[in-house]
């Protein structure tokens, strides 16, 4: 059930990140994947900084969005801002 929760939160975070970040985005499916991976990155980052993992749904979504934004910035640095739309 824990993994399903992070997938749902990641999908929400990917959608929010797609709306926050300027540019064309990566498409609906890739935004969801970035959100899921970003949720994992955000959770790891917050735990390594000493913040507890208990804060409710809003805290979880905010952490996931933070991770997804960081991942999106890193992806844009690696791809030099190129976005492929299908």
Protein backbone atom coordinates (compact mmCIF):
# COMPACT_ATOMS: atom_id res chain seq x y z
CA UNK A 1 0.00 0.00 0.00
CA UNK A 2 2.95 2.31 0.72
CA UNK A 3 4.23 2.05 -2.86
CA UNK A 4 0.77 2.74 -4.29
CA UNK A 5 0.55 5.87 -2.11
CA UNK A 6 3.88 7.19 -3.45
CA UNK A 7 2.77 6.50 -7.03
CA UNK A 8 -0.44 8.48 -6.51
CA UNK A 9 1.44 11.32 -4.81
CA UNK A 10 4.06 11.22 -7.59
CA UNK A 11 1.41 11.53 -10.28
CA UNK A 12 -0.08 14.55 -8.51
CA UNK A 13 3.40 16.04 -8.05
CA UNK A 14 4.25 15.47 -11.72
CA UNK A 15 1.10 17.26 -12.80
CA UNK A 16 1.75 20.19 -10.45
CA UNK A 17 5.39 20.39 -11.53
CA UNK A 18 4.34 20.43 -15.18
CA UNK A 19 2.15 23.44 -14.40
CA UNK A 20 4.78 25.23 -12.27
CA UNK A 21 7.80 24.87 -14.54
CA UNK A 22 7.88 27.05 -17.62
CA UNK A 23 8.44 25.44 -20.98
CA UNK A 24 6.73 22.76 -22.98
CA UNK A 25 7.08 19.99 -20.42
CA UNK A 26 7.75 16.37 -21.23
CA UNK A 27 4.22 15.21 -21.98
CA UNK A 28 1.65 13.72 -19.66
CA UNK A 29 3.24 10.30 -19.20
CA UNK A 30 6.77 11.60 -18.69
CA UNK A 31 5.53 14.28 -16.28
CA UNK A 32 3.99 11.49 -14.21
CA UNK A 33 7.24 9.50 -14.27
CA UNK A 34 9.22 12.60 -13.27
CA UNK A 35 6.71 13.17 -10.46
CA UNK A 36 7.07 9.62 -9.14
CA UNK A 37 10.87 9.74 -9.23
CA UNK A 38 10.77 13.27 -7.82
CA UNK A 39 8.63 12.07 -4.92
CA UNK A 40 11.31 9.54 -4.06
CA UNK A 41 14.06 12.15 -4.39
CA UNK A 42 12.12 14.66 -2.30
CA UNK A 43 11.46 12.12 0.44
CA UNK A 44 15.11 11.10 0.54
CA UNK A 45 16.27 14.73 0.59
CA UNK A 46 13.96 15.72 3.43
CA UNK A 47 14.88 12.69 5.53
CA UNK A 48 18.60 13.30 5.00
CA UNK A 49 18.10 16.90 6.16
CA UNK A 50 16.52 15.60 9.35
CA UNK A 51 12.85 16.32 8.71
CA UNK A 52 10.43 13.65 9.85
CA UNK A 53 8.37 11.84 7.26
CA UNK A 54 5.12 12.53 9.09
CA UNK A 55 3.28 15.63 8.08
CA UNK A 56 0.15 14.48 6.38
CA UNK A 57 -0.97 14.56 2.80
CA UNK A 58 -0.14 18.22 2.11
CA UNK A 59 3.41 17.81 3.42
CA UNK A 60 3.90 14.69 1.32
CA UNK A 61 2.68 16.38 -1.86
CA UNK A 62 4.85 19.46 -1.22
CA UNK A 63 7.93 17.29 -0.68
CA UNK A 64 7.14 15.35 -3.85
CA UNK A 65 6.71 18.55 -5.86
CA UNK A 66 10.03 19.84 -4.50
CA UNK A 67 11.75 16.64 -5.62
CA UNK A 68 10.06 16.73 -9.02
CA UNK A 69 11.09 20.36 -9.57
CA UNK A 70 14.70 19.48 -8.68
CA UNK A 71 14.60 16.51 -11.04
CA UNK A 72 13.09 18.62 -13.82
CA UNK A 73 15.83 21.24 -13.41
CA UNK A 74 18.49 18.52 -13.58
CA UNK A 75 16.87 16.98 -16.66
CA UNK A 76 16.81 20.36 -18.38
CA UNK A 77 20.48 20.90 -17.57
CA UNK A 78 21.38 17.52 -19.05
CA UNK A 79 19.22 17.90 -22.15
CA UNK A 80 20.04 21.62 -22.47
CA UNK A 81 16.36 22.54 -22.37
CA UNK A 82 15.34 20.46 -25.37
CA UNK A 83 11.80 19.18 -25.09
CA UNK A 84 10.48 16.51 -27.37
CA UNK A 85 6.75 16.65 -28.00
CA UNK A 86 5.09 13.66 -29.60
